[in-house]
Amino acid sequence: MKVLPADAPERAELEAQGWTVVARSFGAQLDAHAVDQPRLQALVARTADVGSVRELSQADVDAVLALDALTIGDYPGSVATQHTPLDRQRATPSQSRRAFGVVLESGELVAMTFVDVDGADAETDFTVVHPTWRGRGLGVAAKAASVLALLADGVTRFRTGGSADNAAILAANDVVGYVRDEEWVTLEPGGR
């Protein structure tokens, strides 16, 4: 199995040898100067009738682990976009690993996004929504809240990515303002 940029010359050579594309992935960027803050604030506010959108803390780790366990099989793609189940350490937000979520009045966490921060750069690790609550803009709200908070903290470059087969995350990224700038392919010999 090989993961290559979609336009890599090696791709054509491998395909000529019988390798097949089995998955596609993407990368996208949002720069601080292009962030439409009023739009993102409106995306967050849209979910007020469902629950609160807020930054997650150490007190939320059990809820994070529960939502992660519930959704672990929901990530499309292949090796380039696999989501490794969280352990307690990776589920614990910190200054360099920030997390944002949508929490119902009952206290249940139904959407979350984790973002790794390195100075002025931030990269989304993953975003996921409880199956029962999908299609209501909750993943968008969590991503929008993360951008707003990190922008206020001095982040100027936001990166994200995932499976090109994940229509929900592609749409969410578009709504938040990310611009796709990378495409990758995963190839296997004979393409199983």
N, C-alpha and C. Protein backbone atom coordinates (compact mmCIF):
# COMPACT_ATOMS: atom_id res chain seq x y z
N MET A 1 0.85 -1.17 0.00
CA MET A 1 0.00 0.00 0.00
C MET A 1 0.90 1.24 0.00
N LYS A 2 0.50 2.23 -0.80
CA LYS A 2 1.25 3.49 -0.87
C LYS A 2 0.27 4.65 -0.84
N VAL A 3 0.68 5.72 -0.15
CA VAL A 3 -0.09 6.96 -0.12
C VAL A 3 0.76 8.02 -0.80
N LEU A 4 0.20 8.65 -1.84
CA LEU A 4 0.94 9.62 -2.64
C LEU A 4 0.07 10.84 -2.94
N PRO A 5 0.71 11.99 -3.21
CA PRO A 5 -0.08 13.10 -3.75
C PRO A 5 -0.75 12.64 -5.04
N ALA A 6 -1.97 13.09 -5.27
CA ALA A 6 -2.74 12.63 -6.44
C ALA A 6 -2.04 12.91 -7.75
N ASP A 7 -1.23 13.97 -7.80
CA ASP A 7 -0.55 14.33 -9.04
C ASP A 7 0.89 13.84 -9.10
N ALA A 8 1.28 12.94 -8.20
CA ALA A 8 2.65 12.43 -8.19
C ALA A 8 2.92 11.59 -9.43
N PRO A 9 4.07 11.80 -10.10
CA PRO A 9 4.40 11.01 -11.29
C PRO A 9 4.42 9.50 -11.00
N GLU A 10 4.79 9.14 -9.79
CA GLU A 10 4.85 7.72 -9.42
C GLU A 10 3.47 7.06 -9.49
N ARG A 11 2.41 7.84 -9.32
CA ARG A 11 1.06 7.29 -9.37
C ARG A 11 0.79 6.65 -10.73
N ALA A 12 1.09 7.37 -11.80
CA ALA A 12 0.86 6.85 -13.15
C ALA A 12 1.66 5.58 -13.39
N GLU A 13 2.89 5.56 -12.89
CA GLU A 13 3.73 4.37 -13.04
C GLU A 13 3.12 3.18 -12.31
N LEU A 14 2.66 3.41 -11.07
CA LEU A 14 2.07 2.32 -10.29
C LEU A 14 0.78 1.82 -10.93
N GLU A 15 -0.05 2.75 -11.41
CA GLU A 15 -1.30 2.34 -12.03
C GLU A 15 -1.03 1.53 -13.31
N ALA A 16 0.02 1.90 -14.03
CA ALA A 16 0.40 1.14 -15.23
C ALA A 16 0.85 -0.28 -14.87
N GLN A 17 1.32 -0.45 -13.63
CA GLN A 17 1.75 -1.76 -13.14
C GLN A 17 0.60 -2.52 -12.49
N GLY A 18 -0.61 -1.97 -12.52
CA GLY A 18 -1.77 -2.67 -11.97
C GLY A 18 -2.22 -2.22 -10.59
N TRP A 19 -1.56 -1.22 -10.03
CA TRP A 19 -2.00 -0.70 -8.73
C TRP A 19 -3.31 0.06 -8.94
N THR A 20 -4.15 0.06 -7.92
CA THR A 20 -5.46 0.70 -8.01
C THR A 20 -5.65 1.67 -6.85
N VAL A 21 -6.30 2.79 -7.14
CA VAL A 21 -6.64 3.74 -6.08
C VAL A 21 -7.78 3.14 -5.26
N VAL A 22 -7.55 2.99 -3.95
CA VAL A 22 -8.56 2.41 -3.07
C VAL A 22 -9.15 3.44 -2.11
N ALA A 23 -8.52 4.63 -2.02
CA ALA A 23 -9.05 5.70 -1.16
C ALA A 23 -8.44 7.02 -1.59
N ARG A 24 -9.19 8.09 -1.31
CA ARG A 24 -8.72 9.44 -1.59
C ARG A 24 -8.82 10.26 -0.31
N SER A 25 -7.88 11.15 -0.14
CA SER A 25 -7.93 12.04 1.02
C SER A 25 -7.56 13.44 0.58
N PHE A 26 -7.76 14.40 1.48
CA PHE A 26 -7.54 15.80 1.13
C PHE A 26 -6.92 16.55 2.30
N GLY A 27 -6.37 17.70 1.99
CA GLY A 27 -5.92 18.66 2.98
C GLY A 27 -6.54 20.00 2.62
N ALA A 28 -6.78 20.83 3.62
CA ALA A 28 -7.39 22.14 3.39
C ALA A 28 -6.85 23.13 4.39
N GLN A 29 -6.91 24.39 4.03
CA GLN A 29 -6.36 25.45 4.87
C GLN A 29 -7.32 26.63 4.97
N LEU A 30 -7.28 27.27 6.12
CA LEU A 30 -8.00 28.52 6.36
C LEU A 30 -7.01 29.46 7.03
N ASP A 31 -6.78 30.61 6.41
CA ASP A 31 -5.86 31.60 6.97
C ASP A 31 -6.65 32.65 7.74
N ALA A 32 -6.03 33.18 8.79
CA ALA A 32 -6.70 34.12 9.69
C ALA A 32 -7.36 35.28 8.94
N HIS A 33 -6.69 35.83 7.94
CA HIS A 33 -7.25 36.98 7.23
C HIS A 33 -8.52 36.65 6.46
N ALA A 34 -8.76 35.36 6.20
CA ALA A 34 -9.93 34.94 5.44
C ALA A 34 -11.09 34.46 6.32
N VAL A 35 -10.89 34.46 7.63
CA VAL A 35 -11.95 33.99 8.54
C VAL A 35 -13.08 35.01 8.58
N ASP A 36 -14.28 34.53 8.34
CA ASP A 36 -15.49 35.36 8.43
C ASP A 36 -16.07 35.15 9.83
N GLN A 37 -15.60 35.95 10.78
CA GLN A 37 -15.99 35.75 12.18
C GLN A 37 -17.50 35.85 12.41
N PRO A 38 -18.20 36.84 11.85
CA PRO A 38 -19.65 36.88 12.06
C PRO A 38 -20.35 35.61 11.55
N ARG A 39 -19.89 35.09 10.44
CA ARG A 39 -20.48 33.85 9.90
C ARG A 39 -20.25 32.69 10.86
N LEU A 40 -19.02 32.57 11.36
CA LEU A 40 -18.71 31.47 12.28
C LEU A 40 -19.50 31.61 13.58
N GLN A 41 -19.64 32.84 14.07
CA GLN A 41 -20.44 33.07 15.28
C GLN A 41 -21.89 32.64 15.04
N ALA A 42 -22.42 32.91 13.85
CA ALA A 42 -23.79 32.51 13.52
C ALA A 42 -23.91 30.97 13.45
N LEU A 43 -22.88 30.30 12.94
CA LEU A 43 -22.90 28.85 12.87
C LEU A 43 -22.93 28.24 14.27
N VAL A 44 -22.21 28.85 15.18
CA VAL A 44 -22.22 28.38 16.58
C VAL A 44 -23.59 28.66 17.20
N ALA A 45 -24.11 29.86 16.98
CA ALA A 45 -25.38 30.27 17.59
C ALA A 45 -26.56 29.41 17.11
N ARG A 46 -26.47 28.88 15.89
CA ARG A 46 -27.55 28.05 15.34
C ARG A 46 -27.88 26.83 16.18
N THR A 47 -26.94 26.41 17.00
CA THR A 47 -27.13 25.17 17.77
C THR A 47 -27.64 25.44 19.18
N ALA A 48 -27.98 26.68 19.49
CA ALA A 48 -28.40 27.04 20.85
C ALA A 48 -29.62 26.24 21.32
N ASP A 49 -30.50 25.85 20.39
CA ASP A 49 -31.68 25.08 20.79
C ASP A 49 -31.35 23.62 21.09
N VAL A 50 -30.15 23.17 20.70
CA VAL A 50 -29.73 21.79 20.93
C VAL A 50 -28.90 21.67 22.21
N GLY A 51 -27.96 22.56 22.37
CA GLY A 51 -27.06 22.50 23.52
C GLY A 51 -26.05 23.62 23.45
N SER A 52 -25.07 23.56 24.31
CA SER A 52 -24.04 24.59 24.34
C SER A 52 -22.81 24.13 23.58
N VAL A 53 -22.20 25.06 22.88
CA VAL A 53 -20.94 24.81 22.18
C VAL A 53 -19.87 25.46 23.03
N ARG A 54 -18.90 24.65 23.45
CA ARG A 54 -17.88 25.19 24.35
C ARG A 54 -16.58 24.42 24.22
N GLU A 55 -15.54 25.04 24.78
CA GLU A 55 -14.26 24.35 24.83
C GLU A 55 -14.35 23.25 25.88
N LEU A 56 -13.80 22.10 25.54
CA LEU A 56 -13.81 20.97 26.45
C LEU A 56 -12.60 21.04 27.37
N SER A 57 -12.73 20.42 28.53
CA SER A 57 -11.66 20.46 29.52
C SER A 57 -11.39 19.05 30.06
N GLN A 58 -10.51 18.98 31.00
CA GLN A 58 -10.16 17.70 31.63
C GLN A 58 -11.41 17.05 32.25
N ALA A 59 -12.36 17.86 32.71
CA ALA A 59 -13.58 17.33 33.30
C ALA A 59 -14.45 16.59 32.29
N ASP A 60 -14.19 16.78 30.99
CA ASP A 60 -14.99 16.15 29.94
C ASP A 60 -14.39 14.85 29.40
N VAL A 61 -13.29 14.40 29.95
CA VAL A 61 -12.57 13.27 29.37
C VAL A 61 -13.44 12.01 29.28
N ASP A 62 -14.20 11.70 30.30
CA ASP A 62 -15.04 10.49 30.24
C ASP A 62 -16.07 10.60 29.11
N ALA A 63 -16.65 11.77 28.94
CA ALA A 63 -17.62 11.99 27.86
C ALA A 63 -16.94 11.90 26.50
N VAL A 64 -15.73 12.43 26.39
CA VAL A 64 -14.95 12.34 25.14
C VAL A 64 -14.69 10.87 24.81
N LEU A 65 -14.25 10.11 25.79
CA LEU A 65 -13.96 8.69 25.56
C LEU A 65 -15.22 7.92 25.16
N ALA A 66 -16.35 8.25 25.76
CA ALA A 66 -17.61 7.57 25.43
C ALA A 66 -18.03 7.88 23.99
N LEU A 67 -17.95 9.14 23.58
CA LEU A 67 -18.32 9.50 22.21
C LEU A 67 -17.34 8.89 21.21
N ASP A 68 -16.07 8.87 21.55
CA ASP A 68 -15.07 8.27 20.67
C ASP A 68 -15.34 6.78 20.49
N ALA A 69 -15.64 6.08 21.58
CA ALA A 69 -15.92 4.64 21.49
C ALA A 69 -17.17 4.37 20.65
N LEU A 70 -18.17 5.22 20.79
CA LEU A 70 -19.42 5.05 20.04
C LEU A 70 -19.21 5.24 18.54
N THR A 71 -18.30 6.12 18.16
CA THR A 71 -18.15 6.51 16.75
C THR A 71 -16.89 5.95 16.08
N ILE A 72 -16.14 5.10 16.76
CA ILE A 72 -14.84 4.66 16.25
C ILE A 72 -14.94 4.00 14.87
N GLY A 73 -16.04 3.36 14.55
CA GLY A 73 -16.17 2.70 13.26
C GLY A 73 -16.72 3.59 12.16
N ASP A 74 -16.89 4.87 12.44
CA ASP A 74 -17.56 5.77 11.50
C ASP A 74 -16.63 6.57 10.59
N TYR A 75 -15.34 6.36 10.67
CA TYR A 75 -14.40 7.16 9.88
C TYR A 75 -14.14 6.47 8.55
N PRO A 76 -14.56 7.09 7.43
CA PRO A 76 -14.31 6.47 6.12
C PRO A 76 -12.85 6.65 5.71
N GLY A 77 -12.46 5.91 4.70
CA GLY A 77 -11.13 6.08 4.16
C GLY A 77 -10.26 4.86 4.40
N SER A 78 -8.97 5.12 4.43
CA SER A 78 -7.99 4.04 4.54
C SER A 78 -6.88 4.49 5.48
N VAL A 79 -5.69 3.97 5.29
CA VAL A 79 -4.58 4.24 6.20
C VAL A 79 -4.28 5.73 6.36
N ALA A 80 -4.51 6.51 5.32
CA ALA A 80 -4.18 7.94 5.38
C ALA A 80 -5.14 8.72 6.28
N THR A 81 -6.31 8.15 6.55
CA THR A 81 -7.31 8.89 7.33
C THR A 81 -7.84 8.09 8.52
N GLN A 82 -7.11 7.07 8.92
CA GLN A 82 -7.56 6.26 10.05
C GLN A 82 -7.59 7.09 11.33
N HIS A 83 -8.57 6.79 12.15
CA HIS A 83 -8.66 7.42 13.47
C HIS A 83 -8.32 6.36 14.50
N THR A 84 -7.27 6.60 15.25
CA THR A 84 -6.88 5.69 16.32
C THR A 84 -7.74 5.97 17.54
N PRO A 85 -8.32 4.93 18.15
CA PRO A 85 -9.14 5.17 19.34
C PRO A 85 -8.36 5.97 20.38
N LEU A 86 -9.06 6.89 21.02
CA LEU A 86 -8.42 7.73 22.04
C LEU A 86 -8.15 6.93 23.30
N ASP A 87 -7.04 7.23 23.92
CA ASP A 87 -6.81 6.76 25.29
C ASP A 87 -7.00 7.99 26.19
N ARG A 88 -6.91 7.80 27.47
CA ARG A 88 -7.17 8.90 28.40
C ARG A 88 -6.24 10.09 28.15
N GLN A 89 -4.99 9.83 27.84
CA GLN A 89 -4.05 10.92 27.60
C GLN A 89 -4.42 11.73 26.36
N ARG A 90 -4.72 11.05 25.24
CA ARG A 90 -5.08 11.76 24.00
C ARG A 90 -6.46 12.40 24.08
N ALA A 91 -7.29 11.94 25.01
CA ALA A 91 -8.63 12.51 25.18
C ALA A 91 -8.64 13.71 26.12
N THR A 92 -7.50 13.99 26.73
CA THR A 92 -7.40 15.09 27.69
C THR A 92 -6.92 16.36 26.98
N PRO A 93 -7.76 17.38 26.90
CA PRO A 93 -7.34 18.64 26.27
C PRO A 93 -6.19 19.29 27.04
N SER A 94 -5.38 20.04 26.30
CA SER A 94 -4.25 20.77 26.90
C SER A 94 -4.04 22.05 26.08
N GLN A 95 -3.03 22.81 26.42
CA GLN A 95 -2.73 24.03 25.66
C GLN A 95 -2.35 23.72 24.22
N SER A 96 -1.71 22.58 23.99
CA SER A 96 -1.29 22.22 22.64
C SER A 96 -2.26 21.27 21.95
N ARG A 97 -3.25 20.79 22.67
CA ARG A 97 -4.27 19.90 22.11
C ARG A 97 -5.63 20.37 22.64
N ARG A 98 -6.25 21.25 21.87
CA ARG A 98 -7.49 21.88 22.29
C ARG A 98 -8.67 21.08 21.75
N ALA A 99 -9.78 21.14 22.47
CA ALA A 99 -10.97 20.39 22.08
C ALA A 99 -12.20 21.26 22.29
N PHE A 100 -13.17 21.11 21.39
CA PHE A 100 -14.41 21.88 21.43
C PHE A 100 -15.54 20.91 21.15
N GLY A 101 -16.69 21.16 21.79
CA GLY A 101 -17.78 20.23 21.60
C GLY A 101 -19.14 20.86 21.79
N VAL A 102 -20.15 20.06 21.47
CA VAL A 102 -21.54 20.44 21.69
C VAL A 102 -22.06 19.52 22.79
N VAL A 103 -22.56 20.15 23.86
CA VAL A 103 -23.03 19.42 25.03
C VAL A 103 -24.51 19.71 25.24
N LEU A 104 -25.30 18.65 25.32
CA LEU A 104 -26.74 18.79 25.56
C LEU A 104 -26.99 19.29 26.99
N GLU A 105 -28.19 19.77 27.25
CA GLU A 105 -28.55 20.18 28.61
C GLU A 105 -28.37 19.04 29.60
N SER A 106 -28.57 17.81 29.13
CA SER A 106 -28.41 16.63 29.99
C SER A 106 -26.96 16.38 30.37
N GLY A 107 -26.03 17.07 29.68
CA GLY A 107 -24.60 16.88 29.92
C GLY A 107 -23.94 15.94 28.94
N GLU A 108 -24.73 15.33 28.04
CA GLU A 108 -24.16 14.41 27.07
C GLU A 108 -23.41 15.17 25.97
N LEU A 109 -22.19 14.73 25.69
CA LEU A 109 -21.39 15.28 24.61
C LEU A 109 -21.83 14.61 23.31
N VAL A 110 -22.27 15.42 22.32
CA VAL A 110 -22.79 14.84 21.07
C VAL A 110 -21.98 15.22 19.84
N ALA A 111 -21.02 16.11 19.98
CA ALA A 111 -20.12 16.46 18.87
C ALA A 111 -18.82 16.97 19.47
N MET A 112 -17.72 16.70 18.76
CA MET A 112 -16.43 17.20 19.25
C MET A 112 -15.44 17.31 18.12
N THR A 113 -14.51 18.23 18.29
CA THR A 113 -13.37 18.35 17.40
C THR A 113 -12.13 18.58 18.25
N PHE A 114 -11.04 17.92 17.89
CA PHE A 114 -9.76 18.09 18.57
C PHE A 114 -8.79 18.74 17.59
N VAL A 115 -8.03 19.70 18.09
CA VAL A 115 -7.13 20.48 17.27
C VAL A 115 -5.76 20.54 17.94
N ASP A 116 -4.73 20.18 17.20
CA ASP A 116 -3.36 20.28 17.71
C ASP A 116 -2.80 21.65 17.34
N VAL A 117 -2.27 22.35 18.34
CA VAL A 117 -1.80 23.73 18.17
C VAL A 117 -0.29 23.77 18.38
N ASP A 118 0.39 24.43 17.43
CA ASP A 118 1.83 24.62 17.52
C ASP A 118 2.11 26.08 17.16
N GLY A 119 2.19 26.94 18.16
CA GLY A 119 2.41 28.36 17.92
C GLY A 119 1.23 28.96 17.19
N ALA A 120 1.49 29.52 16.00
CA ALA A 120 0.44 30.16 15.21
C ALA A 120 -0.25 29.20 14.25
N ASP A 121 0.10 27.92 14.32
CA ASP A 121 -0.47 26.90 13.43
C ASP A 121 -1.37 25.95 14.21
N ALA A 122 -2.49 25.59 13.61
CA ALA A 122 -3.40 24.63 14.22
C ALA A 122 -3.82 23.61 13.17
N GLU A 123 -3.88 22.34 13.57
CA GLU A 123 -4.29 21.27 12.66
C GLU A 123 -5.36 20.44 13.34
N THR A 124 -6.52 20.33 12.67
CA THR A 124 -7.59 19.51 13.21
C THR A 124 -7.18 18.05 13.16
N ASP A 125 -7.27 17.38 14.30
CA ASP A 125 -6.99 15.95 14.37
C ASP A 125 -8.22 15.17 13.88
N PHE A 126 -9.39 15.50 14.43
CA PHE A 126 -10.61 14.85 14.00
C PHE A 126 -11.82 15.65 14.47
N THR A 127 -12.94 15.40 13.81
CA THR A 127 -14.23 15.96 14.20
C THR A 127 -15.24 14.83 14.06
N VAL A 128 -16.12 14.68 15.05
CA VAL A 128 -17.09 13.59 14.99
C VAL A 128 -18.38 14.02 15.69
N VAL A 129 -19.49 13.44 15.23
CA VAL A 129 -20.80 13.74 15.79
C VAL A 129 -21.50 12.42 16.11
N HIS A 130 -22.19 12.39 17.24
CA HIS A 130 -23.00 11.24 17.66
C HIS A 130 -23.95 10.87 16.51
N PRO A 131 -24.09 9.59 16.16
CA PRO A 131 -24.94 9.20 15.02
C PRO A 131 -26.36 9.76 15.08
N THR A 132 -26.95 9.82 16.24
CA THR A 132 -28.32 10.31 16.37
C THR A 132 -28.44 11.80 16.09
N TRP A 133 -27.34 12.52 16.22
CA TRP A 133 -27.37 13.98 16.12
C TRP A 133 -26.74 14.51 14.84
N ARG A 134 -26.46 13.66 13.89
CA ARG A 134 -25.83 14.10 12.63
C ARG A 134 -26.83 14.86 11.76
N GLY A 135 -26.28 15.71 10.89
CA GLY A 135 -27.11 16.45 9.94
C GLY A 135 -27.76 17.69 10.52
N ARG A 136 -27.31 18.13 11.70
CA ARG A 136 -27.90 19.30 12.36
C ARG A 136 -26.90 20.45 12.52
N GLY A 137 -25.74 20.32 11.90
CA GLY A 137 -24.75 21.39 11.97
C GLY A 137 -23.90 21.40 13.22
N LEU A 138 -23.92 20.31 13.99
CA LEU A 138 -23.17 20.29 15.25
C LEU A 138 -21.66 20.18 15.02
N GLY A 139 -21.25 19.38 14.05
CA GLY A 139 -19.82 19.30 13.71
C GLY A 139 -19.32 20.63 13.19
N VAL A 140 -20.13 21.29 12.38
CA VAL A 140 -19.78 22.62 11.87
C VAL A 140 -19.63 23.59 13.03
N ALA A 141 -20.56 23.56 13.98
CA ALA A 141 -20.51 24.46 15.13
C ALA A 141 -19.25 24.24 15.95
N ALA A 142 -18.89 22.98 16.18
CA ALA A 142 -17.67 22.68 16.96
C ALA A 142 -16.44 23.19 16.22
N LYS A 143 -16.37 22.95 14.91
CA LYS A 143 -15.22 23.44 14.13
C LYS A 143 -15.18 24.96 14.12
N ALA A 144 -16.34 25.60 13.94
CA ALA A 144 -16.39 27.06 13.93
C ALA A 144 -15.94 27.62 15.28
N ALA A 145 -16.39 27.00 16.37
CA ALA A 145 -15.98 27.46 17.71
C ALA A 145 -14.48 27.32 17.90
N SER A 146 -13.91 26.24 17.37
CA SER A 146 -12.46 26.05 17.51
C SER A 146 -11.70 27.14 16.78
N VAL A 147 -12.14 27.47 15.57
CA VAL A 147 -11.46 28.52 14.79
C VAL A 147 -11.57 29.86 15.51
N LEU A 148 -12.75 30.19 16.00
CA LEU A 148 -12.93 31.48 16.69
C LEU A 148 -12.05 31.59 17.93
N ALA A 149 -12.03 30.55 18.74
CA ALA A 149 -11.24 30.58 19.97
C ALA A 149 -9.74 30.63 19.68
N LEU A 150 -9.30 29.83 18.73
CA LEU A 150 -7.87 29.79 18.43
C LEU A 150 -7.41 31.05 17.71
N LEU A 151 -8.28 31.62 16.90
CA LEU A 151 -7.98 32.90 16.26
C LEU A 151 -7.76 33.97 17.33
N ALA A 152 -8.61 33.99 18.34
CA ALA A 152 -8.48 34.95 19.44
C ALA A 152 -7.19 34.72 20.22
N ASP A 153 -6.67 33.49 20.19
CA ASP A 153 -5.42 33.16 20.89
C ASP A 153 -4.19 33.32 20.01
N GLY A 154 -4.35 33.86 18.78
CA GLY A 154 -3.20 34.16 17.94
C GLY A 154 -2.89 33.17 16.85
N VAL A 155 -3.71 32.14 16.67
CA VAL A 155 -3.47 31.21 15.57
C VAL A 155 -3.79 31.92 14.25
N THR A 156 -2.92 31.76 13.28
CA THR A 156 -3.10 32.43 11.99
C THR A 156 -3.27 31.45 10.82
N ARG A 157 -2.96 30.18 11.05
CA ARG A 157 -3.08 29.19 9.98
C ARG A 157 -3.75 27.94 10.52
N PHE A 158 -4.86 27.58 9.89
CA PHE A 158 -5.65 26.42 10.31
C PHE A 158 -5.59 25.38 9.20
N ARG A 159 -5.24 24.14 9.56
CA ARG A 159 -5.20 23.04 8.59
C ARG A 159 -6.20 21.97 9.03
N THR A 160 -6.72 21.28 8.06
CA THR A 160 -7.60 20.15 8.31
C THR A 160 -7.48 19.19 7.14
N GLY A 161 -8.05 18.02 7.29
CA GLY A 161 -8.00 17.04 6.21
C GLY A 161 -8.85 15.85 6.57
N GLY A 162 -8.84 14.87 5.69
CA GLY A 162 -9.62 13.66 5.94
C GLY A 162 -9.90 12.92 4.67
N SER A 163 -10.86 12.03 4.75
CA SER A 163 -11.24 11.21 3.60
C SER A 163 -12.05 12.04 2.62
N ALA A 164 -11.70 11.95 1.36
CA ALA A 164 -12.46 12.63 0.32
C ALA A 164 -13.81 11.94 0.10
N ASP A 165 -14.03 10.79 0.74
CA ASP A 165 -15.31 10.09 0.68
C ASP A 165 -16.24 10.52 1.81
N ASN A 166 -15.78 11.40 2.68
CA ASN A 166 -16.58 11.86 3.81
C ASN A 166 -17.29 13.16 3.43
N ALA A 167 -18.46 13.03 2.83
CA ALA A 167 -19.21 14.19 2.33
C ALA A 167 -19.53 15.17 3.46
N ALA A 168 -19.80 14.67 4.65
CA ALA A 168 -20.17 15.54 5.77
C ALA A 168 -19.01 16.45 6.16
N ILE A 169 -17.81 15.92 6.25
CA ILE A 169 -16.68 16.76 6.68
C ILE A 169 -16.26 17.70 5.55
N LEU A 170 -16.39 17.26 4.30
CA LEU A 170 -16.10 18.16 3.18
C LEU A 170 -17.04 19.37 3.23
N ALA A 171 -18.33 19.11 3.44
CA ALA A 171 -19.31 20.19 3.51
C ALA A 171 -19.06 21.08 4.72
N ALA A 172 -18.76 20.49 5.86
CA ALA A 172 -18.49 21.27 7.08
C ALA A 172 -17.29 22.19 6.87
N ASN A 173 -16.23 21.67 6.28
CA ASN A 173 -15.04 22.49 6.04
C ASN A 173 -15.35 23.64 5.08
N ASP A 174 -16.13 23.36 4.04
CA ASP A 174 -16.51 24.40 3.10
C ASP A 174 -17.28 25.52 3.81
N VAL A 175 -18.23 25.15 4.66
CA VAL A 175 -19.05 26.13 5.37
C VAL A 175 -18.19 26.99 6.30
N VAL A 176 -17.22 26.37 6.96
CA VAL A 176 -16.35 27.11 7.89
C VAL A 176 -15.38 28.02 7.13
N GLY A 177 -15.06 27.67 5.88
CA GLY A 177 -14.20 28.53 5.07
C GLY A 177 -12.88 27.93 4.65
N TYR A 178 -12.65 26.66 4.97
CA TYR A 178 -11.43 26.00 4.54
C TYR A 178 -11.40 25.87 3.01
N VAL A 179 -10.21 25.96 2.45
CA VAL A 179 -10.01 25.80 1.01
C VAL A 179 -9.14 24.56 0.80
N ARG A 180 -9.66 23.59 0.04
CA ARG A 180 -8.89 22.38 -0.23
C ARG A 180 -7.69 22.72 -1.10
N ASP A 181 -6.53 22.24 -0.69
CA ASP A 181 -5.31 22.54 -1.44
C ASP A 181 -4.41 21.32 -1.65
N GLU A 182 -4.85 20.17 -1.17
CA GLU A 182 -4.08 18.93 -1.37
C GLU A 182 -5.05 17.79 -1.64
N GLU A 183 -4.63 16.90 -2.52
CA GLU A 183 -5.38 15.66 -2.73
C GLU A 183 -4.36 14.53 -2.73
N TRP A 184 -4.69 13.47 -1.99
CA TRP A 184 -3.82 12.31 -1.87
C TRP A 184 -4.59 11.07 -2.29
N VAL A 185 -3.87 10.08 -2.75
CA VAL A 185 -4.49 8.80 -3.10
C VAL A 185 -3.77 7.68 -2.37
N THR A 186 -4.54 6.66 -2.01
CA THR A 186 -3.97 5.44 -1.43
C THR A 186 -4.12 4.36 -2.50
N LEU A 187 -3.00 3.74 -2.84
CA LEU A 187 -2.99 2.73 -3.88
C LEU A 187 -2.59 1.37 -3.30
N GLU A 188 -3.17 0.33 -3.87
CA GLU A 188 -2.79 -1.04 -3.51
C GLU A 188 -2.51 -1.82 -4.79
N PRO A 189 -1.58 -2.76 -4.74
CA PRO A 189 -1.33 -3.56 -5.92
C PRO A 189 -2.57 -4.41 -6.22
N GLY A 190 -3.04 -4.33 -7.43
CA GLY A 190 -4.22 -5.12 -7.82
C GLY A 190 -5.50 -4.59 -7.23
N GLY A 191 -5.46 -3.64 -6.34
CA GLY A 191 -6.61 -2.97 -5.77
C GLY A 191 -7.59 -3.84 -5.04
N ARG A 192 -7.46 -4.62 -4.22
CA ARG A 192 -8.42 -5.50 -3.54
C ARG A 192 -9.78 -4.92 -3.35
